[in-house]
Structure formats: C-alpha cells, structure tokens
Amino acid sequence: MSSKERENMIKMECSECKRVNYFSRKNKKLLKNRLEIKKYCRHCKKHLAHKETK
C-alpha cells in the first residue's frame, strides 16, 4: 500500500462500545466533516452507528 493510499484511510469506531471495527477510504477534499455510517458491530452484535476517528 502506497503512502497516498494510507493518507485516505480512516478508522471507524462503534458509537456504543468504542472499538475500532472497520477501516475505509475517504476523499478528504470533498468530504470535510466526519463520516458516520450504520455498520454491524460484532462485539455488540447489533447494527449501530460507526463514526470516523483520528
């Protein structure tokens, strides 16, 4: 993975248990705000909101 690809990677954290479950890419020029997506958390065993972390 090149350094340019790593710059676009973001971590997705569960809003309930605060564990990092997913990694994703984001175009930071177009999307300025933090991303929030409903995803499945295997620790909570539910579909919950996952927010972008630093």
PDB file of N, CA and C in Angstrom:
ATOM      1  N   MET A   1       0.848  -1.171   0.000  1.00  0.00           N
ATOM      2  CA  MET A   1       0.000   0.000   0.000  1.00  0.00           C
ATOM      3  C   MET A   1       0.893   1.233   0.000  1.00  0.00           C
ATOM      4  N   SER A   2       0.645   2.128  -0.911  1.00  0.00           N
ATOM      5  CA  SER A   2       1.463   3.330  -1.005  1.00  0.00           C
ATOM      6  C   SER A   2       1.077   4.336   0.082  1.00  0.00           C
ATOM      7  N   SER A   3       1.935   5.329   0.264  1.00  0.00           N
ATOM      8  CA  SER A   3       1.679   6.321   1.311  1.00  0.00           C
ATOM      9  C   SER A   3       0.459   7.179   0.987  1.00  0.00           C
ATOM     10  N   LYS A   4       0.180   7.395  -0.309  1.00  0.00           N
ATOM     11  CA  LYS A   4      -1.014   8.163  -0.699  1.00  0.00           C
ATOM     12  C   LYS A   4      -2.283   7.421  -0.306  1.00  0.00           C
ATOM     13  N   GLU A   5      -2.288   6.101  -0.476  1.00  0.00           N
ATOM     14  CA  GLU A   5      -3.465   5.311  -0.099  1.00  0.00           C
ATOM     15  C   GLU A   5      -3.655   5.317   1.412  1.00  0.00           C
ATOM     16  N   ARG A   6      -2.559   5.293   2.152  1.00  0.00           N
ATOM     17  CA  ARG A   6      -2.654   5.299   3.620  1.00  0.00           C
ATOM     18  C   ARG A   6      -3.189   6.624   4.146  1.00  0.00           C
ATOM     19  N   GLU A   7      -2.929   7.715   3.437  1.00  0.00           N
ATOM     20  CA  GLU A   7      -3.429   9.029   3.859  1.00  0.00           C
ATOM     21  C   GLU A   7      -4.952   9.080   3.830  1.00  0.00           C
ATOM     22  N   ASN A   8      -5.561   8.381   2.886  1.00  0.00           N
ATOM     23  CA  ASN A   8      -7.006   8.411   2.730  1.00  0.00           C
ATOM     24  C   ASN A   8      -7.723   7.425   3.643  1.00  0.00           C
ATOM     25  N   MET A   9      -6.991   6.561   4.331  1.00  0.00           N
ATOM     26  CA  MET A   9      -7.622   5.566   5.198  1.00  0.00           C
ATOM     27  C   MET A   9      -8.147   6.231   6.481  1.00  0.00           C
ATOM     28  N   ILE A  10      -9.335   5.817   6.878  1.00  0.00           N
ATOM     29  CA  ILE A  10      -9.924   6.302   8.122  1.00  0.00           C
ATOM     30  C   ILE A  10     -10.352   5.110   8.965  1.00  0.00           C
ATOM     31  N   LYS A  11     -10.385   5.280  10.280  1.00  0.00           N
ATOM     32  CA  LYS A  11     -10.839   4.238  11.192  1.00  0.00           C
ATOM     33  C   LYS A  11     -12.281   4.523  11.570  1.00  0.00           C
ATOM     34  N   MET A  12     -13.094   3.468  11.625  1.00  0.00           N
ATOM     35  CA  MET A  12     -14.493   3.598  12.020  1.00  0.00           C
ATOM     36  C   MET A  12     -14.660   2.973  13.401  1.00  0.00           C
ATOM     37  N   GLU A  13     -15.195   3.746  14.337  1.00  0.00           N
ATOM     38  CA  GLU A  13     -15.340   3.325  15.727  1.00  0.00           C
ATOM     39  C   GLU A  13     -16.813   3.183  16.070  1.00  0.00           C
ATOM     40  N   CYS A  14     -17.168   2.110  16.762  1.00  0.00           N
ATOM     41  CA  CYS A  14     -18.552   1.881  17.191  1.00  0.00           C
ATOM     42  C   CYS A  14     -18.950   2.964  18.190  1.00  0.00           C
ATOM     43  N   SER A  15     -20.154   3.493  18.045  1.00  0.00           N
ATOM     44  CA  SER A  15     -20.596   4.572  18.933  1.00  0.00           C
ATOM     45  C   SER A  15     -20.970   4.058  20.319  1.00  0.00           C
ATOM     46  N   GLU A  16     -21.228   2.755  20.445  1.00  0.00           N
ATOM     47  CA  GLU A  16     -21.634   2.206  21.736  1.00  0.00           C
ATOM     48  C   GLU A  16     -20.441   1.650  22.522  1.00  0.00           C
ATOM     49  N   CYS A  17     -19.667   0.730  21.934  1.00  0.00           N
ATOM     50  CA  CYS A  17     -18.576   0.084  22.676  1.00  0.00           C
ATOM     51  C   CYS A  17     -17.218   0.754  22.443  1.00  0.00           C
ATOM     52  N   LYS A  18     -17.133   1.696  21.496  1.00  0.00           N
ATOM     53  CA  LYS A  18     -15.930   2.488  21.213  1.00  0.00           C
ATOM     54  C   LYS A  18     -14.755   1.652  20.691  1.00  0.00           C
ATOM     55  N   ARG A  19     -15.025   0.516  20.060  1.00  0.00           N
ATOM     56  CA  ARG A  19     -13.963  -0.296  19.463  1.00  0.00           C
ATOM     57  C   ARG A  19     -13.851   0.003  17.971  1.00  0.00           C
ATOM     58  N   VAL A  20     -12.631  -0.045  17.458  1.00  0.00           N
ATOM     59  CA  VAL A  20     -12.393   0.182  16.028  1.00  0.00           C
ATOM     60  C   VAL A  20     -12.648  -1.128  15.306  1.00  0.00           C
ATOM     61  N   ASN A  21     -13.686  -1.151  14.459  1.00  0.00           N
ATOM     62  CA  ASN A  21     -14.091  -2.367  13.762  1.00  0.00           C
ATOM     63  C   ASN A  21     -13.812  -2.322  12.273  1.00  0.00           C
ATOM     64  N   TYR A  22     -13.818  -1.150  11.676  1.00  0.00           N
ATOM     65  CA  TYR A  22     -13.717  -1.028  10.225  1.00  0.00           C
ATOM     66  C   TYR A  22     -12.685   0.009   9.839  1.00  0.00           C
ATOM     67  N   PHE A  23     -12.098  -0.183   8.654  1.00  0.00           N
ATOM     68  CA  PHE A  23     -11.226   0.790   8.019  1.00  0.00           C
ATOM     69  C   PHE A  23     -11.817   1.092   6.659  1.00  0.00           C
ATOM     70  N   SER A  24     -11.750   2.345   6.247  1.00  0.00           N
ATOM     71  CA  SER A  24     -12.346   2.736   4.982  1.00  0.00           C
ATOM     72  C   SER A  24     -11.509   3.856   4.378  1.00  0.00           C
ATOM     73  N   ARG A  25     -11.830   4.216   3.147  1.00  0.00           N
ATOM     74  CA  ARG A  25     -11.162   5.324   2.474  1.00  0.00           C
ATOM     75  C   ARG A  25     -12.137   6.477   2.310  1.00  0.00           C
ATOM     76  N   LYS A  26     -11.580   7.689   2.277  1.00  0.00           N
ATOM     77  CA  LYS A  26     -12.423   8.864   2.155  1.00  0.00           C
ATOM     78  C   LYS A  26     -11.682   9.921   1.353  1.00  0.00           C
ATOM     79  N   ASN A  27     -12.392  10.586   0.453  1.00  0.00           N
ATOM     80  CA  ASN A  27     -11.833  11.713  -0.276  1.00  0.00           C
ATOM     81  C   ASN A  27     -11.943  12.934   0.631  1.00  0.00           C
ATOM     82  N   LYS A  28     -10.829  13.343   1.206  1.00  0.00           N
ATOM     83  CA  LYS A  28     -10.841  14.420   2.199  1.00  0.00           C
ATOM     84  C   LYS A  28     -11.046  15.800   1.585  1.00  0.00           C
ATOM     85  N   LYS A  29     -10.861  15.921   0.278  1.00  0.00           N
ATOM     86  CA  LYS A  29     -11.108  17.201  -0.391  1.00  0.00           C
ATOM     87  C   LYS A  29     -12.602  17.457  -0.546  1.00  0.00           C
ATOM     88  N   LEU A  30     -13.381  16.400  -0.790  1.00  0.00           N
ATOM     89  CA  LEU A  30     -14.821  16.553  -0.988  1.00  0.00           C
ATOM     90  C   LEU A  30     -15.603  16.455   0.322  1.00  0.00           C
ATOM     91  N   LEU A  31     -15.188  15.583   1.227  1.00  0.00           N
ATOM     92  CA  LEU A  31     -15.910  15.364   2.484  1.00  0.00           C
ATOM     93  C   LEU A  31     -15.112  15.966   3.638  1.00  0.00           C
ATOM     94  N   LYS A  32     -15.508  17.125   4.080  1.00  0.00           N
ATOM     95  CA  LYS A  32     -14.774  17.811   5.153  1.00  0.00           C
ATOM     96  C   LYS A  32     -15.184  17.312   6.534  1.00  0.00           C
ATOM     97  N   ASN A  33     -16.468  16.983   6.717  1.00  0.00           N
ATOM     98  CA  ASN A  33     -16.965  16.556   8.023  1.00  0.00           C
ATOM     99  C   ASN A  33     -16.623  15.092   8.283  1.00  0.00           C
ATOM    100  N   ARG A  34     -16.769  14.697   9.542  1.00  0.00           N
ATOM    101  CA  ARG A  34     -16.507  13.305   9.896  1.00  0.00           C
ATOM    102  C   ARG A  34     -17.629  12.413   9.395  1.00  0.00           C
ATOM    103  N   LEU A  35     -17.243  11.255   8.931  1.00  0.00           N
ATOM    104  CA  LEU A  35     -18.165  10.300   8.342  1.00  0.00           C
ATOM    105  C   LEU A  35     -18.855   9.489   9.441  1.00  0.00           C
ATOM    106  N   GLU A  36     -20.145   9.189   9.242  1.00  0.00           N
ATOM    107  CA  GLU A  36     -20.892   8.347  10.184  1.00  0.00           C
ATOM    108  C   GLU A  36     -21.770   7.398   9.366  1.00  0.00           C
ATOM    109  N   ILE A  37     -21.571   6.099   9.559  1.00  0.00           N
ATOM    110  CA  ILE A  37     -22.272   5.071   8.790  1.00  0.00           C
ATOM    111  C   ILE A  37     -22.801   4.018   9.752  1.00  0.00           C
ATOM    112  N   LYS A  38     -23.997   3.479   9.448  1.00  0.00           N
ATOM    113  CA  LYS A  38     -24.516   2.361  10.233  1.00  0.00           C
ATOM    114  C   LYS A  38     -23.869   1.076   9.731  1.00  0.00           C
ATOM    115  N   LYS A  39     -23.179   0.378  10.633  1.00  0.00           N
ATOM    116  CA  LYS A  39     -22.495  -0.864  10.300  1.00  0.00           C
ATOM    117  C   LYS A  39     -22.745  -1.873  11.409  1.00  0.00           C
ATOM    118  N   TYR A  40     -22.434  -3.134  11.112  1.00  0.00           N
ATOM    119  CA  TYR A  40     -22.606  -4.198  12.094  1.00  0.00           C
ATOM    120  C   TYR A  40     -21.393  -4.259  13.013  1.00  0.00           C
ATOM    121  N   CYS A  41     -21.629  -4.240  14.318  1.00  0.00           N
ATOM    122  CA  CYS A  41     -20.568  -4.384  15.312  1.00  0.00           C
ATOM    123  C   CYS A  41     -20.612  -5.812  15.831  1.00  0.00           C
ATOM    124  N   ARG A  42     -19.533  -6.554  15.619  1.00  0.00           N
ATOM    125  CA  ARG A  42     -19.535  -7.957  16.045  1.00  0.00           C
ATOM    126  C   ARG A  42     -19.349  -8.115  17.551  1.00  0.00           C
ATOM    127  N   HIS A  43     -18.938  -7.060  18.227  1.00  0.00           N
ATOM    128  CA  HIS A  43     -18.796  -7.119  19.685  1.00  0.00           C
ATOM    129  C   HIS A  43     -20.137  -6.876  20.375  1.00  0.00           C
ATOM    130  N   CYS A  44     -20.912  -5.927  19.855  1.00  0.00           N
ATOM    131  CA  CYS A  44     -22.243  -5.631  20.396  1.00  0.00           C
ATOM    132  C   CYS A  44     -23.313  -6.532  19.790  1.00  0.00           C
ATOM    133  N   LYS A  45     -23.007  -7.125  18.624  1.00  0.00           N
ATOM    134  CA  LYS A  45     -23.933  -7.983  17.886  1.00  0.00           C
ATOM    135  C   LYS A  45     -25.189  -7.227  17.456  1.00  0.00           C
ATOM    136  N   LYS A  46     -24.984  -5.964  16.981  1.00  0.00           N
ATOM    137  CA  LYS A  46     -26.084  -5.114  16.519  1.00  0.00           C
ATOM    138  C   LYS A  46     -25.580  -4.239  15.383  1.00  0.00           C
ATOM    139  N   HIS A  47     -26.521  -3.679  14.620  1.00  0.00           N
ATOM    140  CA  HIS A  47     -26.200  -2.641  13.650  1.00  0.00           C
ATOM    141  C   HIS A  47     -26.244  -1.298  14.391  1.00  0.00           C
ATOM    142  N   LEU A  48     -25.118  -0.620  14.426  1.00  0.00           N
ATOM    143  CA  LEU A  48     -25.009   0.648  15.136  1.00  0.00           C
ATOM    144  C   LEU A  48     -24.269   1.658  14.288  1.00  0.00           C
ATOM    145  N   ALA A  49     -24.327   2.908  14.712  1.00  0.00           N
ATOM    146  CA  ALA A  49     -23.605   3.973  14.013  1.00  0.00           C
ATOM    147  C   ALA A  49     -22.117   3.837  14.317  1.00  0.00           C
ATOM    148  N   HIS A  50     -21.302   3.902  13.271  1.00  0.00           N
ATOM    149  CA  HIS A  50     -19.857   3.905  13.393  1.00  0.00           C
ATOM    150  C   HIS A  50     -19.355   5.257  12.919  1.00  0.00           C
ATOM    151  N   LYS A  51     -18.561   5.919  13.744  1.00  0.00           N
ATOM    152  CA  LYS A  51     -18.072   7.255  13.431  1.00  0.00           C
ATOM    153  C   LYS A  51     -16.588   7.220  13.095  1.00  0.00           C
ATOM    154  N   GLU A  52     -16.186   8.148  12.279  1.00  0.00           N
ATOM    155  CA  GLU A  52     -14.783   8.279  11.897  1.00  0.00           C
ATOM    156  C   GLU A  52     -13.973   8.775  13.089  1.00  0.00           C
ATOM    157  N   THR A  53     -12.789   8.187  13.303  1.00  0.00           N
ATOM    158  CA  THR A  53     -11.897   8.632  14.372  1.00  0.00           C
ATOM    159  C   THR A  53     -10.622   9.193  13.748  1.00  0.00           C
ATOM    160  N   LYS A  54      -9.739   9.710  14.570  1.00  0.00           N
ATOM    161  CA  LYS A  54      -8.475  10.266  14.081  1.00  0.00           C
ATOM    162  C   LYS A  54      -7.544   9.172  13.646  1.00  0.00           C
TER     163      LYS A  54
END
